[in-house]
Amino acid sequence: ECCSGDLADLKVKSVDVEAWSPRQKKYFEVGSCSNLGDAQARRLKIRV
């Protein structure tokens, strides 16, 4: 789970998916999932 200070300004909530590296013996980022609420829609005028 990305903490508040790691969230880009448009994001409401974000989670990174990290893969296991047996060589490094740790996980590293391979993807990121973000909910941006209506921020992008407001800027781009995307209405329903």
ModelCIF file with pLDDT and N, C-alpha, C, O atoms, coordinates in Angstrom:
data_MODEL
#
_entry.id   MODEL 
#
_entity.id                         1 
_entity.type                       polymer 
_entity.pdbx_number_of_molecules   1 
#
_entity_poly.entity_id                      1 
_entity_poly.type                           'polypeptide(L)' 
_entity_poly.nstd_linkage                   no 
_entity_poly.nstd_monomer                   no 
_entity_poly.pdbx_seq_one_letter_code       ECCSGDLADLKVKSVDVEAWSPRQKKYFEVGSCSNLGDAQARRLKIRV 
_entity_poly.pdbx_seq_one_letter_code_can   ECCSGDLADLKVKSVDVEAWSPRQKKYFEVGSCSNLGDAQARRLKIRV 
_entity_poly.pdbx_strand_id                 A 
#
loop_
_entity_poly_seq.entity_id 
_entity_poly_seq.num 
_entity_poly_seq.mon_id 
_entity_poly_seq.hetero 
1 1  GLU n 
1 2  CYS n 
1 3  CYS n 
1 4  SER n 
1 5  GLY n 
1 6  ASP n 
1 7  LEU n 
1 8  ALA n 
1 9  ASP n 
1 10 LEU n 
1 11 LYS n 
1 12 VAL n 
1 13 LYS n 
1 14 SER n 
1 15 VAL n 
1 16 ASP n 
1 17 VAL n 
1 18 GLU n 
1 19 ALA n 
1 20 TRP n 
1 21 SER n 
1 22 PRO n 
1 23 ARG n 
1 24 GLN n 
1 25 LYS n 
1 26 LYS n 
1 27 TYR n 
1 28 PHE n 
1 29 GLU n 
1 30 VAL n 
1 31 GLY n 
1 32 SER n 
1 33 CYS n 
1 34 SER n 
1 35 ASN n 
1 36 LEU n 
1 37 GLY n 
1 38 ASP n 
1 39 ALA n 
1 40 GLN n 
1 41 ALA n 
1 42 ARG n 
1 43 ARG n 
1 44 LEU n 
1 45 LYS n 
1 46 ILE n 
1 47 ARG n 
1 48 VAL n 
#
_struct_asym.id          A 
_struct_asym.entity_id   1 
#
loop_
_ma_qa_metric.id 
_ma_qa_metric.mode 
_ma_qa_metric.name 
_ma_qa_metric.software_group_id 
_ma_qa_metric.type 
1 global pLDDT . pLDDT 
2 local  pLDDT . pLDDT 
#
_ma_qa_metric_global.metric_id      1 
_ma_qa_metric_global.metric_value   94.90 
_ma_qa_metric_global.model_id       1 
_ma_qa_metric_global.ordinal_id     1 
#
loop_
_ma_qa_metric_local.label_asym_id 
_ma_qa_metric_local.label_comp_id 
_ma_qa_metric_local.label_seq_id 
_ma_qa_metric_local.metric_id 
_ma_qa_metric_local.metric_value 
_ma_qa_metric_local.model_id 
_ma_qa_metric_local.ordinal_id 
A GLU 1  2 97.00 1 1  
A CYS 2  2 97.00 1 2  
A CYS 3  2 97.00 1 3  
A SER 4  2 97.00 1 4  
A GLY 5  2 95.00 1 5  
A ASP 6  2 94.00 1 6  
A LEU 7  2 93.00 1 7  
A ALA 8  2 91.00 1 8  
A ASP 9  2 91.00 1 9  
A LEU 10 2 92.00 1 10 
A LYS 11 2 95.00 1 11 
A VAL 12 2 96.00 1 12 
A LYS 13 2 97.00 1 13 
A SER 14 2 97.00 1 14 
A VAL 15 2 97.00 1 15 
A ASP 16 2 96.00 1 16 
A VAL 17 2 97.00 1 17 
A GLU 18 2 97.00 1 18 
A ALA 19 2 97.00 1 19 
A TRP 20 2 97.00 1 20 
A SER 21 2 96.00 1 21 
A PRO 22 2 96.00 1 22 
A ARG 23 2 95.00 1 23 
A GLN 24 2 94.00 1 24 
A LYS 25 2 95.00 1 25 
A LYS 26 2 95.00 1 26 
A TYR 27 2 96.00 1 27 
A PHE 28 2 93.00 1 28 
A GLU 29 2 93.00 1 29 
A VAL 30 2 94.00 1 30 
A GLY 31 2 93.00 1 31 
A SER 32 2 95.00 1 32 
A CYS 33 2 97.00 1 33 
A SER 34 2 96.00 1 34 
A ASN 35 2 97.00 1 35 
A LEU 36 2 96.00 1 36 
A GLY 37 2 95.00 1 37 
A ASP 38 2 94.00 1 38 
A ALA 39 2 92.00 1 39 
A GLN 40 2 93.00 1 40 
A ALA 41 2 94.00 1 41 
A ARG 42 2 92.00 1 42 
A ARG 43 2 91.00 1 43 
A LEU 44 2 92.00 1 44 
A LYS 45 2 93.00 1 45 
A ILE 46 2 96.00 1 46 
A ARG 47 2 96.00 1 47 
A VAL 48 2 96.00 1 48 
#
loop_
_atom_site.group_PDB 
_atom_site.id 
_atom_site.type_symbol 
_atom_site.label_atom_id 
_atom_site.label_alt_id 
_atom_site.label_comp_id 
_atom_site.label_asym_id 
_atom_site.label_entity_id 
_atom_site.label_seq_id 
_atom_site.pdbx_PDB_ins_code 
_atom_site.Cartn_x 
_atom_site.Cartn_y 
_atom_site.Cartn_z 
_atom_site.occupancy 
_atom_site.B_iso_or_equiv 
_atom_site.pdbx_formal_charge 
_atom_site.auth_seq_id 
_atom_site.auth_comp_id 
_atom_site.auth_asym_id 
_atom_site.auth_atom_id 
_atom_site.pdbx_PDB_model_num 
ATOM 1   N N  . GLU A 1 1  ? 0.842   -1.198  0.000   1.00 97.00 ? 1  GLU A N  1 
ATOM 2   C CA . GLU A 1 1  ? 0.000   0.000   0.000   1.00 97.00 ? 1  GLU A CA 1 
ATOM 3   C C  . GLU A 1 1  ? 0.880   1.252   0.000   1.00 97.00 ? 1  GLU A C  1 
ATOM 4   O O  . GLU A 1 1  ? 1.739   1.412   0.867   1.00 97.00 ? 1  GLU A O  1 
ATOM 5   N N  . CYS A 1 2  ? 0.663   2.130   -0.968  1.00 97.00 ? 2  CYS A N  1 
ATOM 6   C CA . CYS A 1 2  ? 1.441   3.369   -1.037  1.00 97.00 ? 2  CYS A CA 1 
ATOM 7   C C  . CYS A 1 2  ? 0.955   4.340   0.037   1.00 97.00 ? 2  CYS A C  1 
ATOM 8   O O  . CYS A 1 2  ? -0.243  4.591   0.166   1.00 97.00 ? 2  CYS A O  1 
ATOM 9   N N  . CYS A 1 3  ? 1.897   4.877   0.801   1.00 97.00 ? 3  CYS A N  1 
ATOM 10  C CA . CYS A 1 3  ? 1.538   5.831   1.849   1.00 97.00 ? 3  CYS A CA 1 
ATOM 11  C C  . CYS A 1 3  ? 1.254   7.201   1.235   1.00 97.00 ? 3  CYS A C  1 
ATOM 12  O O  . CYS A 1 3  ? 1.492   7.426   0.049   1.00 97.00 ? 3  CYS A O  1 
ATOM 13  N N  . SER A 1 4  ? 0.741   8.109   2.063   1.00 97.00 ? 4  SER A N  1 
ATOM 14  C CA . SER A 1 4  ? 0.289   9.421   1.585   1.00 97.00 ? 4  SER A CA 1 
ATOM 15  C C  . SER A 1 4  ? 1.371   10.197  0.848   1.00 97.00 ? 4  SER A C  1 
ATOM 16  O O  . SER A 1 4  ? 1.106   10.810  -0.186  1.00 97.00 ? 4  SER A O  1 
ATOM 17  N N  . GLY A 1 5  ? 2.599   10.172  1.383   1.00 95.00 ? 5  GLY A N  1 
ATOM 18  C CA . GLY A 1 5  ? 3.686   10.944  0.779   1.00 95.00 ? 5  GLY A CA 1 
ATOM 19  C C  . GLY A 1 5  ? 4.202   10.370  -0.525  1.00 95.00 ? 5  GLY A C  1 
ATOM 20  O O  . GLY A 1 5  ? 4.913   11.048  -1.266  1.00 95.00 ? 5  GLY A O  1 
ATOM 21  N N  . ASP A 1 6  ? 3.846   9.110   -0.815  1.00 94.00 ? 6  ASP A N  1 
ATOM 22  C CA . ASP A 1 6  ? 4.303   8.444   -2.036  1.00 94.00 ? 6  ASP A CA 1 
ATOM 23  C C  . ASP A 1 6  ? 3.263   8.512   -3.146  1.00 94.00 ? 6  ASP A C  1 
ATOM 24  O O  . ASP A 1 6  ? 3.520   8.076   -4.268  1.00 94.00 ? 6  ASP A O  1 
ATOM 25  N N  . LEU A 1 7  ? 2.081   9.060   -2.834  1.00 93.00 ? 7  LEU A N  1 
ATOM 26  C CA . LEU A 1 7  ? 1.018   9.153   -3.828  1.00 93.00 ? 7  LEU A CA 1 
ATOM 27  C C  . LEU A 1 7  ? 1.214   10.374  -4.713  1.00 93.00 ? 7  LEU A C  1 
ATOM 28  O O  . LEU A 1 7  ? 1.415   11.481  -4.213  1.00 93.00 ? 7  LEU A O  1 
ATOM 29  N N  . ALA A 1 8  ? 1.157   10.176  -6.023  1.00 91.00 ? 8  ALA A N  1 
ATOM 30  C CA . ALA A 1 8  ? 1.139   11.320  -6.941  1.00 91.00 ? 8  ALA A CA 1 
ATOM 31  C C  . ALA A 1 8  ? -0.105  12.158  -6.660  1.00 91.00 ? 8  ALA A C  1 
ATOM 32  O O  . ALA A 1 8  ? -1.092  11.654  -6.125  1.00 91.00 ? 8  ALA A O  1 
ATOM 33  N N  . ASP A 1 9  ? -0.052  13.442  -7.023  1.00 91.00 ? 9  ASP A N  1 
ATOM 34  C CA . ASP A 1 9  ? -1.081  14.393  -6.600  1.00 91.00 ? 9  ASP A CA 1 
ATOM 35  C C  . ASP A 1 9  ? -2.499  14.048  -7.054  1.00 91.00 ? 9  ASP A C  1 
ATOM 36  O O  . ASP A 1 9  ? -3.464  14.398  -6.375  1.00 91.00 ? 9  ASP A O  1 
ATOM 37  N N  . LEU A 1 10 ? -2.636  13.368  -8.189  1.00 92.00 ? 10 LEU A N  1 
ATOM 38  C CA . LEU A 1 10 ? -3.982  13.064  -8.680  1.00 92.00 ? 10 LEU A CA 1 
ATOM 39  C C  . LEU A 1 10 ? -4.589  11.822  -8.026  1.00 92.00 ? 10 LEU A C  1 
ATOM 40  O O  . LEU A 1 10 ? -5.793  11.591  -8.135  1.00 92.00 ? 10 LEU A O  1 
ATOM 41  N N  . LYS A 1 11 ? -3.764  11.026  -7.349  1.00 95.00 ? 11 LYS A N  1 
ATOM 42  C CA . LYS A 1 11 ? -4.217  9.711   -6.883  1.00 95.00 ? 11 LYS A CA 1 
ATOM 43  C C  . LYS A 1 11 ? -4.975  9.775   -5.553  1.00 95.00 ? 11 LYS A C  1 
ATOM 44  O O  . LYS A 1 11 ? -4.633  10.537  -4.649  1.00 95.00 ? 11 LYS A O  1 
ATOM 45  N N  . VAL A 1 12 ? -6.012  8.947   -5.474  1.00 96.00 ? 12 VAL A N  1 
ATOM 46  C CA . VAL A 1 12 ? -6.793  8.795   -4.247  1.00 96.00 ? 12 VAL A CA 1 
ATOM 47  C C  . VAL A 1 12 ? -6.225  7.660   -3.401  1.00 96.00 ? 12 VAL A C  1 
ATOM 48  O O  . VAL A 1 12 ? -6.198  7.733   -2.172  1.00 96.00 ? 12 VAL A O  1 
ATOM 49  N N  . LYS A 1 13 ? -5.771  6.612   -4.084  1.00 97.00 ? 13 LYS A N  1 
ATOM 50  C CA . LYS A 1 13 ? -5.285  5.406   -3.424  1.00 97.00 ? 13 LYS A CA 1 
ATOM 51  C C  . LYS A 1 13 ? -4.470  4.619   -4.441  1.00 97.00 ? 13 LYS A C  1 
ATOM 52  O O  . LYS A 1 13 ? -4.798  4.602   -5.627  1.00 97.00 ? 13 LYS A O  1 
ATOM 53  N N  . SER A 1 14 ? -3.394  3.958   -3.970  1.00 97.00 ? 14 SER A N  1 
ATOM 54  C CA . SER A 1 14 ? -2.544  3.221   -4.899  1.00 97.00 ? 14 SER A CA 1 
ATOM 55  C C  . SER A 1 14 ? -1.888  2.042   -4.194  1.00 97.00 ? 14 SER A C  1 
ATOM 56  O O  . SER A 1 14 ? -1.556  2.110   -3.011  1.00 97.00 ? 14 SER A O  1 
ATOM 57  N N  . VAL A 1 15 ? -1.709  0.957   -4.950  1.00 97.00 ? 15 VAL A N  1 
ATOM 58  C CA . VAL A 1 15 ? -1.014  -0.218  -4.417  1.00 97.00 ? 15 VAL A CA 1 
ATOM 59  C C  . VAL A 1 15 ? 0.006   -0.666  -5.460  1.00 97.00 ? 15 VAL A C  1 
ATOM 60  O O  . VAL A 1 15 ? -0.297  -0.737  -6.651  1.00 97.00 ? 15 VAL A O  1 
ATOM 61  N N  . ASP A 1 16 ? 1.221   -0.967  -4.996  1.00 96.00 ? 16 ASP A N  1 
ATOM 62  C CA . ASP A 1 16 ? 2.250   -1.518  -5.871  1.00 96.00 ? 16 ASP A CA 1 
ATOM 63  C C  . ASP A 1 16 ? 2.213   -3.041  -5.782  1.00 96.00 ? 16 ASP A C  1 
ATOM 64  O O  . ASP A 1 16 ? 2.019   -3.607  -4.706  1.00 96.00 ? 16 ASP A O  1 
ATOM 65  N N  . VAL A 1 17 ? 2.401   -3.688  -6.917  1.00 97.00 ? 17 VAL A N  1 
ATOM 66  C CA . VAL A 1 17 ? 2.622   -5.130  -6.926  1.00 97.00 ? 17 VAL A CA 1 
ATOM 67  C C  . VAL A 1 17 ? 4.127   -5.342  -7.110  1.00 97.00 ? 17 VAL A C  1 
ATOM 68  O O  . VAL A 1 17 ? 4.727   -4.838  -8.060  1.00 97.00 ? 17 VAL A O  1 
ATOM 69  N N  . GLU A 1 18 ? 4.723   -6.095  -6.184  1.00 97.00 ? 18 GLU A N  1 
ATOM 70  C CA . GLU A 1 18 ? 6.165   -6.348  -6.227  1.00 97.00 ? 18 GLU A CA 1 
ATOM 71  C C  . GLU A 1 18 ? 6.409   -7.845  -6.414  1.00 97.00 ? 18 GLU A C  1 
ATOM 72  O O  . GLU A 1 18 ? 5.729   -8.680  -5.817  1.00 97.00 ? 18 GLU A O  1 
ATOM 73  N N  . ALA A 1 19 ? 7.397   -8.163  -7.258  1.00 97.00 ? 19 ALA A N  1 
ATOM 74  C CA . ALA A 1 19 ? 7.762   -9.555  -7.520  1.00 97.00 ? 19 ALA A CA 1 
ATOM 75  C C  . ALA A 1 19 ? 8.973   -9.935  -6.679  1.00 97.00 ? 19 ALA A C  1 
ATOM 76  O O  . ALA A 1 19 ? 9.809   -9.095  -6.348  1.00 97.00 ? 19 ALA A O  1 
ATOM 77  N N  . TRP A 1 20 ? 9.045   -11.204 -6.345  1.00 97.00 ? 20 TRP A N  1 
ATOM 78  C CA . TRP A 1 20 ? 10.167  -11.723 -5.554  1.00 97.00 ? 20 TRP A CA 1 
ATOM 79  C C  . TRP A 1 20 ? 11.400  -11.879 -6.436  1.00 97.00 ? 20 TRP A C  1 
ATOM 80  O O  . TRP A 1 20 ? 11.336  -12.420 -7.539  1.00 97.00 ? 20 TRP A O  1 
ATOM 81  N N  . SER A 1 21 ? 12.530  -11.387 -5.916  1.00 96.00 ? 21 SER A N  1 
ATOM 82  C CA . SER A 1 21 ? 13.820  -11.593 -6.571  1.00 96.00 ? 21 SER A CA 1 
ATOM 83  C C  . SER A 1 21 ? 14.639  -12.549 -5.719  1.00 96.00 ? 21 SER A C  1 
ATOM 84  O O  . SER A 1 21 ? 15.166  -12.142 -4.683  1.00 96.00 ? 21 SER A O  1 
ATOM 85  N N  . PRO A 1 22 ? 14.762  -13.817 -6.128  1.00 96.00 ? 22 PRO A N  1 
ATOM 86  C CA . PRO A 1 22 ? 15.571  -14.748 -5.332  1.00 96.00 ? 22 PRO A CA 1 
ATOM 87  C C  . PRO A 1 22 ? 17.047  -14.365 -5.320  1.00 96.00 ? 22 PRO A C  1 
ATOM 88  O O  . PRO A 1 22 ? 17.773  -14.744 -4.400  1.00 96.00 ? 22 PRO A O  1 
ATOM 89  N N  . ARG A 1 23 ? 17.500  -13.621 -6.323  1.00 95.00 ? 23 ARG A N  1 
ATOM 90  C CA . ARG A 1 23 ? 18.911  -13.200 -6.334  1.00 95.00 ? 23 ARG A CA 1 
ATOM 91  C C  . ARG A 1 23 ? 19.163  -12.132 -5.285  1.00 95.00 ? 23 ARG A C  1 
ATOM 92  O O  . ARG A 1 23 ? 20.139  -12.194 -4.537  1.00 95.00 ? 23 ARG A O  1 
ATOM 93  N N  . GLN A 1 24 ? 18.255  -11.135 -5.238  1.00 94.00 ? 24 GLN A N  1 
ATOM 94  C CA . GLN A 1 24 ? 18.408  -10.053 -4.255  1.00 94.00 ? 24 GLN A CA 1 
ATOM 95  C C  . GLN A 1 24 ? 17.860  -10.419 -2.878  1.00 94.00 ? 24 GLN A C  1 
ATOM 96  O O  . GLN A 1 24 ? 18.164  -9.761  -1.883  1.00 94.00 ? 24 GLN A O  1 
ATOM 97  N N  . LYS A 1 25 ? 17.036  -11.495 -2.834  1.00 95.00 ? 25 LYS A N  1 
ATOM 98  C CA . LYS A 1 25 ? 16.352  -11.921 -1.599  1.00 95.00 ? 25 LYS A CA 1 
ATOM 99  C C  . LYS A 1 25 ? 15.426  -10.818 -1.079  1.00 95.00 ? 25 LYS A C  1 
ATOM 100 O O  . LYS A 1 25 ? 15.323  -10.574 0.123   1.00 95.00 ? 25 LYS A O  1 
ATOM 101 N N  . LYS A 1 26 ? 14.766  -10.170 -2.021  1.00 95.00 ? 26 LYS A N  1 
ATOM 102 C CA . LYS A 1 26 ? 13.778  -9.133  -1.666  1.00 95.00 ? 26 LYS A CA 1 
ATOM 103 C C  . LYS A 1 26 ? 12.799  -8.958  -2.825  1.00 95.00 ? 26 LYS A C  1 
ATOM 104 O O  . LYS A 1 26 ? 13.004  -9.486  -3.918  1.00 95.00 ? 26 LYS A O  1 
ATOM 105 N N  . TYR A 1 27 ? 11.734  -8.207  -2.560  1.00 96.00 ? 27 TYR A N  1 
ATOM 106 C CA . TYR A 1 27 ? 10.743  -7.911  -3.592  1.00 96.00 ? 27 TYR A CA 1 
ATOM 107 C C  . TYR A 1 27 ? 11.103  -6.603  -4.291  1.00 96.00 ? 27 TYR A C  1 
ATOM 108 O O  . TYR A 1 27 ? 11.736  -5.725  -3.706  1.00 96.00 ? 27 TYR A O  1 
ATOM 109 N N  . PHE A 1 28 ? 10.683  -6.486  -5.567  1.00 93.00 ? 28 PHE A N  1 
ATOM 110 C CA . PHE A 1 28 ? 10.880  -5.219  -6.278  1.00 93.00 ? 28 PHE A CA 1 
ATOM 111 C C  . PHE A 1 28 ? 9.643   -4.928  -7.130  1.00 93.00 ? 28 PHE A C  1 
ATOM 112 O O  . PHE A 1 28 ? 8.920   -5.840  -7.531  1.00 93.00 ? 28 PHE A O  1 
ATOM 113 N N  . GLU A 1 29 ? 9.415   -3.645  -7.396  1.00 93.00 ? 29 GLU A N  1 
ATOM 114 C CA . GLU A 1 29 ? 8.179   -3.215  -8.050  1.00 93.00 ? 29 GLU A CA 1 
ATOM 115 C C  . GLU A 1 29 ? 8.094   -3.687  -9.504  1.00 93.00 ? 29 GLU A C  1 
ATOM 116 O O  . GLU A 1 29 ? 9.038   -3.529  -10.278 1.00 93.00 ? 29 GLU A O  1 
ATOM 117 N N  . VAL A 1 30 ? 6.937   -4.271  -9.862  1.00 94.00 ? 30 VAL A N  1 
ATOM 118 C CA . VAL A 1 30 ? 6.698   -4.661  -11.254 1.00 94.00 ? 30 VAL A CA 1 
ATOM 119 C C  . VAL A 1 30 ? 5.391   -4.073  -11.791 1.00 94.00 ? 30 VAL A C  1 
ATOM 120 O O  . VAL A 1 30 ? 5.082   -4.231  -12.972 1.00 94.00 ? 30 VAL A O  1 
ATOM 121 N N  . GLY A 1 31 ? 4.631   -3.402  -10.940 1.00 93.00 ? 31 GLY A N  1 
ATOM 122 C CA . GLY A 1 31 ? 3.380   -2.801  -11.410 1.00 93.00 ? 31 GLY A CA 1 
ATOM 123 C C  . GLY A 1 31 ? 2.754   -1.946  -10.335 1.00 93.00 ? 31 GLY A C  1 
ATOM 124 O O  . GLY A 1 31 ? 3.088   -2.058  -9.155  1.00 93.00 ? 31 GLY A O  1 
ATOM 125 N N  . SER A 1 32 ? 1.836   -1.083  -10.760 1.00 95.00 ? 32 SER A N  1 
ATOM 126 C CA . SER A 1 32 ? 1.185   -0.177  -9.831  1.00 95.00 ? 32 SER A CA 1 
ATOM 127 C C  . SER A 1 32 ? -0.274  0.000   -10.233 1.00 95.00 ? 32 SER A C  1 
ATOM 128 O O  . SER A 1 32 ? -0.586  0.188   -11.409 1.00 95.00 ? 32 SER A O  1 
ATOM 129 N N  . CYS A 1 33 ? -1.174  -0.063  -9.231  1.00 97.00 ? 33 CYS A N  1 
ATOM 130 C CA . CYS A 1 33 ? -2.610  0.085   -9.454  1.00 97.00 ? 33 CYS A CA 1 
ATOM 131 C C  . CYS A 1 33 ? -3.074  1.348   -8.735  1.00 97.00 ? 33 CYS A C  1 
ATOM 132 O O  . CYS A 1 33 ? -2.765  1.548   -7.561  1.00 97.00 ? 33 CYS A O  1 
ATOM 133 N N  . SER A 1 34 ? -3.819  2.203   -9.444  1.00 96.00 ? 34 SER A N  1 
ATOM 134 C CA . SER A 1 34 ? -4.209  3.492   -8.869  1.00 96.00 ? 34 SER A CA 1 
ATOM 135 C C  . SER A 1 34 ? -5.674  3.810   -9.121  1.00 96.00 ? 34 SER A C  1 
ATOM 136 O O  . SER A 1 34 ? -6.214  3.559   -10.198 1.00 96.00 ? 34 SER A O  1 
ATOM 137 N N  . ASN A 1 35 ? -6.303  4.374   -8.087  1.00 97.00 ? 35 ASN A N  1 
ATOM 138 C CA . ASN A 1 35 ? -7.634  4.960   -8.206  1.00 97.00 ? 35 ASN A CA 1 
ATOM 139 C C  . ASN A 1 35 ? -7.443  6.468   -8.171  1.00 97.00 ? 35 ASN A C  1 
ATOM 140 O O  . ASN A 1 35 ? -6.891  7.005   -7.211  1.00 97.00 ? 35 ASN A O  1 
ATOM 141 N N  . LEU A 1 36 ? -7.899  7.152   -9.217  1.00 96.00 ? 36 LEU A N  1 
ATOM 142 C CA . LEU A 1 36 ? -7.700  8.602   -9.318  1.00 96.00 ? 36 LEU A CA 1 
ATOM 143 C C  . LEU A 1 36 ? -8.979  9.389   -9.052  1.00 96.00 ? 36 LEU A C  1 
ATOM 144 O O  . LEU A 1 36 ? -9.043  10.598  -9.273  1.00 96.00 ? 36 LEU A O  1 
ATOM 145 N N  . GLY A 1 37 ? -10.013 8.661   -8.562  1.00 95.00 ? 37 GLY A N  1 
ATOM 146 C CA . GLY A 1 37 ? -11.279 9.352   -8.301  1.00 95.00 ? 37 GLY A CA 1 
ATOM 147 C C  . GLY A 1 37 ? -11.750 10.069  -9.560  1.00 95.00 ? 37 GLY A C  1 
ATOM 148 O O  . GLY A 1 37 ? -11.688 9.516   -10.658 1.00 95.00 ? 37 GLY A O  1 
ATOM 149 N N  . ASP A 1 38 ? -12.227 11.317  -9.393  1.00 94.00 ? 38 ASP A N  1 
ATOM 150 C CA . ASP A 1 38 ? -12.697 12.072  -10.563 1.00 94.00 ? 38 ASP A CA 1 
ATOM 151 C C  . ASP A 1 38 ? -11.687 13.121  -11.041 1.00 94.00 ? 38 ASP A C  1 
ATOM 152 O O  . ASP A 1 38 ? -12.029 13.985  -11.848 1.00 94.00 ? 38 ASP A O  1 
ATOM 153 N N  . ALA A 1 39 ? -10.431 13.047  -10.542 1.00 92.00 ? 39 ALA A N  1 
ATOM 154 C CA . ALA A 1 39 ? -9.439  14.087  -10.864 1.00 92.00 ? 39 ALA A CA 1 
ATOM 155 C C  . ALA A 1 39 ? -9.147  14.165  -12.359 1.00 92.00 ? 39 ALA A C  1 
ATOM 156 O O  . ALA A 1 39 ? -9.167  15.255  -12.932 1.00 92.00 ? 39 ALA A O  1 
ATOM 157 N N  . GLN A 1 40 ? -8.874  13.022  -13.003 1.00 93.00 ? 40 GLN A N  1 
ATOM 158 C CA . GLN A 1 40 ? -8.591  13.036  -14.445 1.00 93.00 ? 40 GLN A CA 1 
ATOM 159 C C  . GLN A 1 40 ? -9.840  13.425  -15.232 1.00 93.00 ? 40 GLN A C  1 
ATOM 160 O O  . GLN A 1 40 ? -9.761  14.168  -16.210 1.00 93.00 ? 40 GLN A O  1 
ATOM 161 N N  . ALA A 1 41 ? -10.988 12.919  -14.799 1.00 94.00 ? 41 ALA A N  1 
ATOM 162 C CA . ALA A 1 41 ? -12.241 13.233  -15.488 1.00 94.00 ? 41 ALA A CA 1 
ATOM 163 C C  . ALA A 1 41 ? -12.565 14.721  -15.392 1.00 94.00 ? 41 ALA A C  1 
ATOM 164 O O  . ALA A 1 41 ? -13.089 15.306  -16.339 1.00 94.00 ? 41 ALA A O  1 
ATOM 165 N N  . ARG A 1 42 ? -12.257 15.331  -14.253 1.00 92.00 ? 42 ARG A N  1 
ATOM 166 C CA . ARG A 1 42 ? -12.512 16.767  -14.068 1.00 92.00 ? 42 ARG A CA 1 
ATOM 167 C C  . ARG A 1 42 ? -11.615 17.569  -15.025 1.00 92.00 ? 42 ARG A C  1 
ATOM 168 O O  . ARG A 1 42 ? -12.072 18.506  -15.679 1.00 92.00 ? 42 ARG A O  1 
ATOM 169 N N  . ARG A 1 43 ? -10.355 17.192  -15.093 1.00 91.00 ? 43 ARG A N  1 
ATOM 170 C CA . ARG A 1 43 ? -9.417  17.917  -15.954 1.00 91.00 ? 43 ARG A CA 1 
ATOM 171 C C  . ARG A 1 43 ? -9.732  17.733  -17.440 1.00 91.00 ? 43 ARG A C  1 
ATOM 172 O O  . ARG A 1 43 ? -9.581  18.665  -18.230 1.00 91.00 ? 43 ARG A O  1 
ATOM 173 N N  . LEU A 1 44 ? -10.166 16.538  -17.812 1.00 92.00 ? 44 LEU A N  1 
ATOM 174 C CA . LEU A 1 44 ? -10.391 16.235  -19.223 1.00 92.00 ? 44 LEU A CA 1 
ATOM 175 C C  . LEU A 1 44 ? -11.869 16.366  -19.621 1.00 92.00 ? 44 LEU A C  1 
ATOM 176 O O  . LEU A 1 44 ? -12.232 16.111  -20.769 1.00 92.00 ? 44 LEU A O  1 
ATOM 177 N N  . LYS A 1 45 ? -12.713 16.764  -18.667 1.00 93.00 ? 45 LYS A N  1 
ATOM 178 C CA . LYS A 1 45 ? -14.150 16.941  -18.922 1.00 93.00 ? 45 LYS A CA 1 
ATOM 179 C C  . LYS A 1 45 ? -14.786 15.638  -19.424 1.00 93.00 ? 45 LYS A C  1 
ATOM 180 O O  . LYS A 1 45 ? -15.445 15.615  -20.464 1.00 93.00 ? 45 LYS A O  1 
ATOM 181 N N  . ILE A 1 46 ? -14.577 14.559  -18.666 1.00 96.00 ? 46 ILE A N  1 
ATOM 182 C CA . ILE A 1 46 ? -15.178 13.260  -18.984 1.00 96.00 ? 46 ILE A CA 1 
ATOM 183 C C  . ILE A 1 46 ? -16.401 13.073  -18.086 1.00 96.00 ? 46 ILE A C  1 
ATOM 184 O O  . ILE A 1 46 ? -16.275 12.787  -16.895 1.00 96.00 ? 46 ILE A O  1 
ATOM 185 N N  . ARG A 1 47 ? -17.584 13.241  -18.677 1.00 96.00 ? 47 ARG A N  1 
ATOM 186 C CA . ARG A 1 47 ? -18.810 13.195  -17.884 1.00 96.00 ? 47 ARG A CA 1 
ATOM 187 C C  . ARG A 1 47 ? -19.669 11.997  -18.248 1.00 96.00 ? 47 ARG A C  1 
ATOM 188 O O  . ARG A 1 47 ? -19.570 11.426  -19.334 1.00 96.00 ? 47 ARG A O  1 
ATOM 189 N N  . VAL A 1 48 ? -20.509 11.647  -17.299 1.00 96.00 ? 48 VAL A N  1 
ATOM 190 C CA . VAL A 1 48 ? -21.451 10.543  -17.486 1.00 96.00 ? 48 VAL A CA 1 
ATOM 191 C C  . VAL A 1 48 ? -22.858 11.122  -17.451 1.00 96.00 ? 48 VAL A C  1 
ATOM 192 O O  . VAL A 1 48 ? -23.833 10.383  -17.588 1.00 96.00 ? 48 VAL A O  1 
#
